[in-house]
Amino acid sequence: METLSRLSEEVGAVLLSKKKVLVTAESCTGGGIATAITDIAGSSAWFDRAFVTYSNEAKMEMLGVSSETLSAFGAVSEPVVKEMVQGSLHHSNGTVAVAVSGIAGPSGGSVEKPVGTVCFAWMDLSGWLKIETCHFNGERAEVRRKAIHHALKELQKHFIDEQGSE
């Protein structure tokens, strides 16, 4: 697995070349995606802000996630990350966003959503939307690191694939 620093640099380069501005909405990663990004000098040219919405109240207040969605599906769900990613674009100057919510452990898991379950959503203002749920093995720090890496890797992959289709 490449380093987060190298991956962040590569994501930044492609976002800069496409004149895109990233915003993050993070729960289980606790701002880790934003940290990886802002560790890169010059990232202010392609990164706007991060919403660290660990509690359900923060998801509702800062991102507009509905209480009905949270009640029906739980915070770790594809419907919730979809609302998180939409809200992050609505409440920022971003043009592309990633949202993540998961169960990093060691507790908090269930049969339906075991520890290591992480939901992601990526979206941009041109209409691209990708939502998926992954399961990562490992201790809390490793689950979080894998989630951060995956969030950035999928951004990179999307823009590389997009370049290839132009």
N, C-alpha and C. Protein backbone atom coordinates (compact mmCIF):
# COMPACT_ATOMS: atom_id res chain seq x y z
N MET A 1 0.85 -1.18 0.00
CA MET A 1 0.00 0.00 0.00
C MET A 1 0.90 1.24 0.00
N GLU A 2 0.62 2.15 -0.94
CA GLU A 2 1.42 3.36 -0.96
C GLU A 2 1.14 4.21 0.28
N THR A 3 2.04 5.11 0.57
CA THR A 3 1.88 5.94 1.76
C THR A 3 0.74 6.93 1.57
N LEU A 4 0.14 7.34 2.67
CA LEU A 4 -0.92 8.34 2.60
C LEU A 4 -0.38 9.65 2.06
N SER A 5 0.85 9.97 2.40
CA SER A 5 1.45 11.20 1.91
C SER A 5 1.55 11.21 0.39
N ARG A 6 2.06 10.13 -0.16
CA ARG A 6 2.20 10.05 -1.63
C ARG A 6 0.82 10.08 -2.30
N LEU A 7 -0.11 9.32 -1.75
CA LEU A 7 -1.46 9.28 -2.31
C LEU A 7 -2.12 10.66 -2.24
N SER A 8 -1.96 11.35 -1.12
CA SER A 8 -2.52 12.70 -0.98
C SER A 8 -1.92 13.66 -2.00
N GLU A 9 -0.63 13.55 -2.22
CA GLU A 9 0.03 14.39 -3.23
C GLU A 9 -0.55 14.12 -4.62
N GLU A 10 -0.74 12.84 -4.92
CA GLU A 10 -1.28 12.48 -6.24
C GLU A 10 -2.72 12.96 -6.41
N VAL A 11 -3.52 12.80 -5.37
CA VAL A 11 -4.90 13.29 -5.42
C VAL A 11 -4.90 14.80 -5.59
N GLY A 12 -4.06 15.48 -4.84
CA GLY A 12 -3.97 16.93 -4.95
C GLY A 12 -3.57 17.38 -6.34
N ALA A 13 -2.62 16.71 -6.94
CA ALA A 13 -2.16 17.09 -8.28
C ALA A 13 -3.30 16.97 -9.30
N VAL A 14 -4.06 15.89 -9.21
CA VAL A 14 -5.14 15.71 -10.18
C VAL A 14 -6.28 16.69 -9.91
N LEU A 15 -6.59 16.94 -8.64
CA LEU A 15 -7.63 17.92 -8.33
C LEU A 15 -7.22 19.32 -8.80
N LEU A 16 -5.98 19.66 -8.57
CA LEU A 16 -5.47 20.97 -9.00
C LEU A 16 -5.54 21.10 -10.52
N SER A 17 -5.12 20.05 -11.22
CA SER A 17 -5.12 20.11 -12.69
C SER A 17 -6.53 20.22 -13.25
N LYS A 18 -7.51 19.70 -12.53
CA LYS A 18 -8.90 19.75 -12.98
C LYS A 18 -9.67 20.92 -12.36
N LYS A 19 -8.95 21.74 -11.57
CA LYS A 19 -9.56 22.88 -10.90
C LYS A 19 -10.74 22.47 -10.02
N LYS A 20 -10.54 21.37 -9.30
CA LYS A 20 -11.54 20.86 -8.36
C LYS A 20 -11.09 21.21 -6.94
N VAL A 21 -12.06 21.37 -6.05
CA VAL A 21 -11.79 21.68 -4.65
C VAL A 21 -12.49 20.64 -3.79
N LEU A 22 -11.73 19.99 -2.93
CA LEU A 22 -12.22 18.89 -2.11
C LEU A 22 -12.74 19.37 -0.76
N VAL A 23 -13.78 18.68 -0.30
CA VAL A 23 -14.29 18.85 1.06
C VAL A 23 -14.52 17.44 1.60
N THR A 24 -14.31 17.27 2.91
CA THR A 24 -14.54 15.96 3.52
C THR A 24 -15.60 16.06 4.60
N ALA A 25 -16.33 14.94 4.76
CA ALA A 25 -17.29 14.78 5.85
C ALA A 25 -16.92 13.46 6.52
N GLU A 26 -16.37 13.54 7.72
CA GLU A 26 -15.79 12.36 8.34
C GLU A 26 -16.41 12.07 9.70
N SER A 27 -16.60 10.78 9.95
CA SER A 27 -17.03 10.33 11.25
C SER A 27 -15.95 9.43 11.84
N CYS A 28 -15.91 8.17 11.48
CA CYS A 28 -14.97 7.25 12.13
C CYS A 28 -13.50 7.59 11.89
N THR A 29 -13.20 8.31 10.83
CA THR A 29 -11.81 8.69 10.56
C THR A 29 -11.40 9.94 11.34
N GLY A 30 -12.33 10.62 11.96
CA GLY A 30 -12.04 11.72 12.87
C GLY A 30 -11.19 12.83 12.29
N GLY A 31 -11.32 13.10 11.02
CA GLY A 31 -10.51 14.14 10.39
C GLY A 31 -9.22 13.61 9.78
N GLY A 32 -9.05 12.31 9.77
CA GLY A 32 -7.82 11.73 9.24
C GLY A 32 -7.60 11.97 7.76
N ILE A 33 -8.69 12.01 6.99
CA ILE A 33 -8.56 12.31 5.55
C ILE A 33 -8.06 13.74 5.40
N ALA A 34 -8.67 14.65 6.13
CA ALA A 34 -8.26 16.06 6.07
C ALA A 34 -6.81 16.23 6.53
N THR A 35 -6.41 15.46 7.55
CA THR A 35 -5.03 15.54 8.02
C THR A 35 -4.06 15.09 6.94
N ALA A 36 -4.38 13.96 6.30
CA ALA A 36 -3.50 13.47 5.22
C ALA A 36 -3.38 14.50 4.11
N ILE A 37 -4.47 15.17 3.81
CA ILE A 37 -4.48 16.18 2.75
C ILE A 37 -3.69 17.42 3.16
N THR A 38 -3.96 17.91 4.36
CA THR A 38 -3.32 19.16 4.78
C THR A 38 -1.87 18.97 5.20
N ASP A 39 -1.41 17.73 5.27
CA ASP A 39 0.02 17.48 5.45
C ASP A 39 0.80 17.85 4.20
N ILE A 40 0.11 18.04 3.09
CA ILE A 40 0.74 18.36 1.81
C ILE A 40 0.81 19.88 1.67
N ALA A 41 2.01 20.38 1.49
CA ALA A 41 2.18 21.82 1.28
C ALA A 41 1.42 22.26 0.04
N GLY A 42 0.72 23.37 0.14
CA GLY A 42 -0.03 23.89 -1.00
C GLY A 42 -1.42 23.32 -1.15
N SER A 43 -1.83 22.48 -0.22
CA SER A 43 -3.16 21.84 -0.36
C SER A 43 -4.31 22.85 -0.28
N SER A 44 -4.05 24.04 0.21
CA SER A 44 -5.13 25.04 0.26
C SER A 44 -5.61 25.42 -1.14
N ALA A 45 -4.83 25.09 -2.16
CA ALA A 45 -5.25 25.36 -3.53
C ALA A 45 -6.32 24.38 -4.01
N TRP A 46 -6.46 23.25 -3.33
CA TRP A 46 -7.43 22.24 -3.78
C TRP A 46 -8.24 21.61 -2.65
N PHE A 47 -8.12 22.16 -1.44
CA PHE A 47 -8.89 21.65 -0.31
C PHE A 47 -9.58 22.81 0.40
N ASP A 48 -10.90 22.68 0.62
CA ASP A 48 -11.67 23.76 1.24
C ASP A 48 -11.83 23.57 2.74
N ARG A 49 -12.40 22.45 3.16
CA ARG A 49 -12.68 22.26 4.58
C ARG A 49 -13.03 20.82 4.87
N ALA A 50 -13.09 20.54 6.19
CA ALA A 50 -13.49 19.21 6.66
C ALA A 50 -14.58 19.38 7.69
N PHE A 51 -15.56 18.51 7.60
CA PHE A 51 -16.58 18.41 8.63
C PHE A 51 -16.30 17.12 9.39
N VAL A 52 -15.97 17.24 10.67
CA VAL A 52 -15.79 16.05 11.50
C VAL A 52 -17.08 15.94 12.31
N THR A 53 -17.93 15.04 11.87
CA THR A 53 -19.27 14.91 12.44
C THR A 53 -19.40 13.53 13.08
N TYR A 54 -18.80 13.42 14.24
CA TYR A 54 -18.75 12.15 14.94
C TYR A 54 -20.10 11.77 15.53
N SER A 55 -20.81 12.72 16.08
CA SER A 55 -22.12 12.43 16.68
C SER A 55 -23.23 12.57 15.65
N ASN A 56 -24.35 11.93 15.94
CA ASN A 56 -25.51 12.08 15.06
C ASN A 56 -25.97 13.53 15.03
N GLU A 57 -25.90 14.22 16.18
CA GLU A 57 -26.30 15.63 16.24
C GLU A 57 -25.45 16.47 15.28
N ALA A 58 -24.15 16.21 15.26
CA ALA A 58 -23.27 16.96 14.36
C ALA A 58 -23.62 16.68 12.90
N LYS A 59 -23.92 15.43 12.59
CA LYS A 59 -24.31 15.08 11.22
C LYS A 59 -25.56 15.86 10.80
N MET A 60 -26.52 15.96 11.72
CA MET A 60 -27.75 16.69 11.43
C MET A 60 -27.50 18.20 11.34
N GLU A 61 -26.82 18.75 12.35
CA GLU A 61 -26.63 20.20 12.43
C GLU A 61 -25.69 20.75 11.35
N MET A 62 -24.59 20.06 11.11
CA MET A 62 -23.57 20.59 10.19
C MET A 62 -23.79 20.19 8.74
N LEU A 63 -24.40 19.02 8.52
CA LEU A 63 -24.51 18.50 7.16
C LEU A 63 -25.95 18.33 6.68
N GLY A 64 -26.91 18.49 7.58
CA GLY A 64 -28.30 18.36 7.18
C GLY A 64 -28.77 16.92 7.03
N VAL A 65 -28.06 15.97 7.62
CA VAL A 65 -28.52 14.58 7.60
C VAL A 65 -29.84 14.52 8.38
N SER A 66 -30.82 13.85 7.81
CA SER A 66 -32.14 13.84 8.46
C SER A 66 -32.17 12.85 9.61
N SER A 67 -32.91 13.21 10.64
CA SER A 67 -33.08 12.32 11.79
C SER A 67 -33.80 11.04 11.36
N GLU A 68 -34.67 11.15 10.37
CA GLU A 68 -35.38 9.98 9.87
C GLU A 68 -34.42 8.98 9.24
N THR A 69 -33.46 9.46 8.48
CA THR A 69 -32.48 8.58 7.86
C THR A 69 -31.62 7.91 8.92
N LEU A 70 -31.19 8.70 9.90
CA LEU A 70 -30.39 8.14 10.99
C LEU A 70 -31.18 7.08 11.77
N SER A 71 -32.44 7.36 12.05
CA SER A 71 -33.26 6.41 12.79
C SER A 71 -33.51 5.13 12.00
N ALA A 72 -33.77 5.28 10.72
CA ALA A 72 -34.12 4.14 9.89
C ALA A 72 -32.92 3.24 9.57
N PHE A 73 -31.74 3.86 9.36
CA PHE A 73 -30.60 3.09 8.85
C PHE A 73 -29.40 3.05 9.79
N GLY A 74 -29.32 3.97 10.73
CA GLY A 74 -28.17 4.08 11.61
C GLY A 74 -27.08 4.92 10.98
N ALA A 75 -26.18 5.43 11.82
CA ALA A 75 -25.13 6.34 11.34
C ALA A 75 -24.19 5.66 10.35
N VAL A 76 -23.97 4.37 10.53
CA VAL A 76 -23.08 3.63 9.62
C VAL A 76 -23.96 2.97 8.57
N SER A 77 -24.25 3.74 7.53
CA SER A 77 -25.13 3.25 6.46
C SER A 77 -24.89 4.06 5.19
N GLU A 78 -25.22 3.45 4.08
CA GLU A 78 -25.07 4.15 2.80
C GLU A 78 -26.01 5.34 2.68
N PRO A 79 -27.27 5.26 3.13
CA PRO A 79 -28.12 6.45 3.06
C PRO A 79 -27.57 7.63 3.86
N VAL A 80 -26.95 7.36 5.01
CA VAL A 80 -26.40 8.44 5.82
C VAL A 80 -25.18 9.05 5.14
N VAL A 81 -24.26 8.25 4.62
CA VAL A 81 -23.09 8.86 3.97
C VAL A 81 -23.48 9.60 2.71
N LYS A 82 -24.54 9.16 2.04
CA LYS A 82 -25.04 9.91 0.88
C LYS A 82 -25.49 11.30 1.31
N GLU A 83 -26.24 11.39 2.39
CA GLU A 83 -26.68 12.70 2.89
C GLU A 83 -25.49 13.52 3.41
N MET A 84 -24.51 12.84 3.99
CA MET A 84 -23.31 13.55 4.47
C MET A 84 -22.55 14.18 3.31
N VAL A 85 -22.35 13.42 2.23
CA VAL A 85 -21.59 13.95 1.10
C VAL A 85 -22.35 15.09 0.42
N GLN A 86 -23.66 14.94 0.29
CA GLN A 86 -24.47 16.01 -0.28
C GLN A 86 -24.41 17.27 0.58
N GLY A 87 -24.54 17.08 1.89
CA GLY A 87 -24.50 18.21 2.81
C GLY A 87 -23.16 18.91 2.82
N SER A 88 -22.08 18.14 2.69
CA SER A 88 -20.75 18.76 2.70
C SER A 88 -20.56 19.67 1.49
N LEU A 89 -21.08 19.26 0.35
CA LEU A 89 -20.98 20.12 -0.84
C LEU A 89 -21.89 21.34 -0.69
N HIS A 90 -23.05 21.13 -0.12
CA HIS A 90 -24.01 22.23 0.06
C HIS A 90 -23.49 23.29 1.04
N HIS A 91 -22.75 22.87 2.05
CA HIS A 91 -22.30 23.78 3.11
C HIS A 91 -20.82 24.15 2.98
N SER A 92 -20.30 24.16 1.76
CA SER A 92 -18.88 24.48 1.56
C SER A 92 -18.68 25.11 0.19
N ASN A 93 -17.42 25.39 -0.11
CA ASN A 93 -17.02 25.86 -1.42
C ASN A 93 -16.44 24.72 -2.26
N GLY A 94 -16.63 23.50 -1.80
CA GLY A 94 -16.09 22.35 -2.49
C GLY A 94 -16.83 22.04 -3.78
N THR A 95 -16.13 21.37 -4.69
CA THR A 95 -16.73 20.89 -5.93
C THR A 95 -16.72 19.37 -6.00
N VAL A 96 -15.98 18.74 -5.09
CA VAL A 96 -15.93 17.29 -4.97
C VAL A 96 -15.82 16.97 -3.49
N ALA A 97 -16.46 15.86 -3.08
CA ALA A 97 -16.49 15.55 -1.65
C ALA A 97 -16.41 14.05 -1.43
N VAL A 98 -15.95 13.73 -0.23
CA VAL A 98 -15.97 12.35 0.25
C VAL A 98 -16.55 12.36 1.66
N ALA A 99 -17.38 11.35 1.94
CA ALA A 99 -17.95 11.18 3.27
C ALA A 99 -17.68 9.76 3.73
N VAL A 100 -17.46 9.61 5.04
CA VAL A 100 -17.16 8.29 5.60
C VAL A 100 -17.77 8.18 6.99
N SER A 101 -18.35 7.00 7.26
CA SER A 101 -18.89 6.69 8.58
C SER A 101 -18.72 5.19 8.79
N GLY A 102 -18.20 4.82 9.95
CA GLY A 102 -17.95 3.40 10.15
C GLY A 102 -17.77 3.02 11.60
N ILE A 103 -17.45 1.75 11.78
CA ILE A 103 -17.22 1.19 13.10
C ILE A 103 -15.77 0.73 13.16
N ALA A 104 -14.92 1.54 13.77
CA ALA A 104 -13.49 1.24 13.81
C ALA A 104 -13.14 0.27 14.94
N GLY A 105 -14.01 0.17 15.92
CA GLY A 105 -13.76 -0.78 17.02
C GLY A 105 -12.99 -0.15 18.16
N PRO A 106 -12.66 -0.91 19.14
CA PRO A 106 -12.84 -2.35 19.22
C PRO A 106 -14.27 -2.77 19.54
N SER A 107 -15.10 -1.84 19.99
CA SER A 107 -16.50 -2.18 20.30
C SER A 107 -17.40 -1.44 19.32
N GLY A 108 -18.69 -1.62 19.48
CA GLY A 108 -19.66 -0.90 18.65
C GLY A 108 -20.21 -1.71 17.50
N GLY A 109 -19.62 -2.86 17.22
CA GLY A 109 -20.09 -3.68 16.12
C GLY A 109 -21.30 -4.51 16.50
N SER A 110 -21.93 -5.08 15.48
CA SER A 110 -23.07 -5.97 15.67
C SER A 110 -22.98 -7.06 14.61
N VAL A 111 -23.89 -7.98 14.64
CA VAL A 111 -23.91 -9.04 13.62
C VAL A 111 -24.12 -8.43 12.24
N GLU A 112 -25.03 -7.47 12.14
CA GLU A 112 -25.33 -6.83 10.85
C GLU A 112 -24.20 -5.89 10.41
N LYS A 113 -23.59 -5.23 11.37
CA LYS A 113 -22.52 -4.26 11.08
C LYS A 113 -21.35 -4.55 12.01
N PRO A 114 -20.50 -5.50 11.63
CA PRO A 114 -19.37 -5.84 12.51
C PRO A 114 -18.31 -4.74 12.53
N VAL A 115 -17.45 -4.79 13.53
CA VAL A 115 -16.31 -3.87 13.59
C VAL A 115 -15.56 -3.99 12.27
N GLY A 116 -15.17 -2.85 11.72
CA GLY A 116 -14.49 -2.81 10.44
C GLY A 116 -15.40 -2.43 9.29
N THR A 117 -16.70 -2.31 9.56
CA THR A 117 -17.66 -1.87 8.53
C THR A 117 -17.51 -0.37 8.35
N VAL A 118 -17.27 0.06 7.11
CA VAL A 118 -17.13 1.48 6.82
C VAL A 118 -17.89 1.80 5.54
N CYS A 119 -18.74 2.81 5.62
CA CYS A 119 -19.52 3.27 4.47
C CYS A 119 -18.90 4.54 3.91
N PHE A 120 -18.85 4.62 2.60
CA PHE A 120 -18.24 5.74 1.89
C PHE A 120 -19.22 6.31 0.87
N ALA A 121 -19.09 7.61 0.61
CA ALA A 121 -19.78 8.26 -0.51
C ALA A 121 -18.84 9.30 -1.09
N TRP A 122 -18.78 9.35 -2.42
CA TRP A 122 -18.00 10.36 -3.14
C TRP A 122 -18.96 11.03 -4.10
N MET A 123 -18.79 12.33 -4.28
CA MET A 123 -19.71 13.07 -5.14
C MET A 123 -19.00 14.30 -5.68
N ASP A 124 -19.38 14.71 -6.88
CA ASP A 124 -18.92 16.02 -7.35
C ASP A 124 -20.09 16.76 -7.98
N LEU A 125 -19.87 18.02 -8.27
CA LEU A 125 -20.95 18.86 -8.77
C LEU A 125 -21.35 18.55 -10.20
N SER A 126 -20.57 17.71 -10.89
CA SER A 126 -20.93 17.33 -12.26
C SER A 126 -21.92 16.17 -12.28
N GLY A 127 -22.23 15.60 -11.11
CA GLY A 127 -23.21 14.54 -11.04
C GLY A 127 -22.65 13.18 -10.67
N TRP A 128 -21.34 13.05 -10.57
CA TRP A 128 -20.75 11.76 -10.17
C TRP A 128 -21.11 11.47 -8.73
N LEU A 129 -21.57 10.26 -8.46
CA LEU A 129 -21.87 9.82 -7.11
C LEU A 129 -21.52 8.34 -7.03
N LYS A 130 -20.71 7.98 -6.05
CA LYS A 130 -20.38 6.59 -5.80
C LYS A 130 -20.57 6.34 -4.31
N ILE A 131 -21.25 5.24 -3.99
CA ILE A 131 -21.49 4.87 -2.60
C ILE A 131 -21.12 3.40 -2.45
N GLU A 132 -20.40 3.09 -1.39
CA GLU A 132 -20.07 1.68 -1.14
C GLU A 132 -19.79 1.44 0.33
N THR A 133 -19.90 0.19 0.71
CA THR A 133 -19.58 -0.25 2.05
C THR A 133 -18.44 -1.25 1.96
N CYS A 134 -17.43 -1.07 2.80
CA CYS A 134 -16.27 -1.96 2.84
C CYS A 134 -16.15 -2.55 4.24
N HIS A 135 -15.42 -3.63 4.31
CA HIS A 135 -15.12 -4.26 5.60
C HIS A 135 -13.60 -4.39 5.70
N PHE A 136 -13.04 -3.76 6.70
CA PHE A 136 -11.59 -3.76 6.91
C PHE A 136 -11.26 -4.55 8.16
N ASN A 137 -10.22 -5.34 8.08
CA ASN A 137 -9.73 -6.09 9.23
C ASN A 137 -8.69 -5.28 9.98
N GLY A 138 -8.52 -5.58 11.25
CA GLY A 138 -7.46 -4.94 12.02
C GLY A 138 -7.99 -4.25 13.26
N GLU A 139 -7.02 -3.75 14.03
CA GLU A 139 -7.34 -2.96 15.21
C GLU A 139 -7.86 -1.59 14.78
N ARG A 140 -8.35 -0.82 15.74
CA ARG A 140 -8.96 0.49 15.47
C ARG A 140 -8.11 1.38 14.56
N ALA A 141 -6.84 1.54 14.89
CA ALA A 141 -5.98 2.43 14.10
C ALA A 141 -5.82 1.92 12.68
N GLU A 142 -5.74 0.62 12.52
CA GLU A 142 -5.57 0.05 11.19
C GLU A 142 -6.85 0.20 10.36
N VAL A 143 -8.00 -0.01 10.97
CA VAL A 143 -9.27 0.19 10.26
C VAL A 143 -9.37 1.63 9.78
N ARG A 144 -9.03 2.56 10.66
CA ARG A 144 -9.10 3.98 10.29
C ARG A 144 -8.11 4.31 9.17
N ARG A 145 -6.89 3.78 9.27
CA ARG A 145 -5.89 4.05 8.23
C ARG A 145 -6.34 3.48 6.88
N LYS A 146 -6.89 2.28 6.91
CA LYS A 146 -7.38 1.67 5.67
C LYS A 146 -8.54 2.47 5.08
N ALA A 147 -9.41 2.99 5.93
CA ALA A 147 -10.54 3.80 5.46
C ALA A 147 -10.05 5.10 4.81
N ILE A 148 -9.08 5.74 5.43
CA ILE A 148 -8.51 6.98 4.87
C ILE A 148 -7.87 6.68 3.52
N HIS A 149 -7.09 5.63 3.45
CA HIS A 149 -6.43 5.24 2.20
C HIS A 149 -7.48 4.96 1.12
N HIS A 150 -8.51 4.22 1.46
CA HIS A 150 -9.54 3.87 0.48
C HIS A 150 -10.27 5.11 -0.03
N ALA A 151 -10.59 6.03 0.88
CA ALA A 151 -11.29 7.26 0.49
C ALA A 151 -10.47 8.04 -0.54
N LEU A 152 -9.17 8.17 -0.30
CA LEU A 152 -8.30 8.90 -1.22
C LEU A 152 -8.06 8.11 -2.50
N LYS A 153 -7.87 6.81 -2.39
CA LYS A 153 -7.60 5.97 -3.56
C LYS A 153 -8.76 6.00 -4.55
N GLU A 154 -9.97 5.97 -4.05
CA GLU A 154 -11.14 6.02 -4.94
C GLU A 154 -11.27 7.39 -5.62
N LEU A 155 -10.91 8.46 -4.92
CA LEU A 155 -10.89 9.78 -5.57
C LEU A 155 -9.88 9.78 -6.71
N GLN A 156 -8.68 9.29 -6.41
CA GLN A 156 -7.63 9.22 -7.43
C GLN A 156 -8.10 8.38 -8.62
N LYS A 157 -8.64 7.22 -8.34
CA LYS A 157 -9.08 6.30 -9.39
C LYS A 157 -10.15 6.96 -10.27
N HIS A 158 -11.11 7.63 -9.65
CA HIS A 158 -12.18 8.29 -10.41
C HIS A 158 -11.61 9.31 -11.39
N PHE A 159 -10.72 10.15 -10.92
CA PHE A 159 -10.22 11.20 -11.79
C PHE A 159 -9.26 10.67 -12.85
N ILE A 160 -8.55 9.60 -12.55
CA ILE A 160 -7.71 8.97 -13.57
C ILE A 160 -8.60 8.30 -14.62
N ASP A 161 -9.64 7.60 -14.20
CA ASP A 161 -10.58 6.99 -15.13
C ASP A 161 -11.27 8.04 -15.98
N GLU A 162 -11.63 9.16 -15.35
CA GLU A 162 -12.28 10.26 -16.04
C GLU A 162 -11.35 10.84 -17.12
N GLN A 163 -10.06 10.98 -16.78
CA GLN A 163 -9.10 11.48 -17.77
C GLN A 163 -9.01 10.55 -18.96
N GLY A 164 -9.02 9.25 -18.69
CA GLY A 164 -8.93 8.28 -19.76
C GLY A 164 -10.10 8.29 -20.70
N SER A 165 -11.26 8.76 -20.23
CA SER A 165 -12.46 8.77 -21.08
C SER A 165 -12.67 10.10 -21.78
N GLU A 166 -11.77 11.05 -21.57
CA GLU A 166 -11.93 12.36 -22.22
C GLU A 166 -11.47 12.32 -23.66
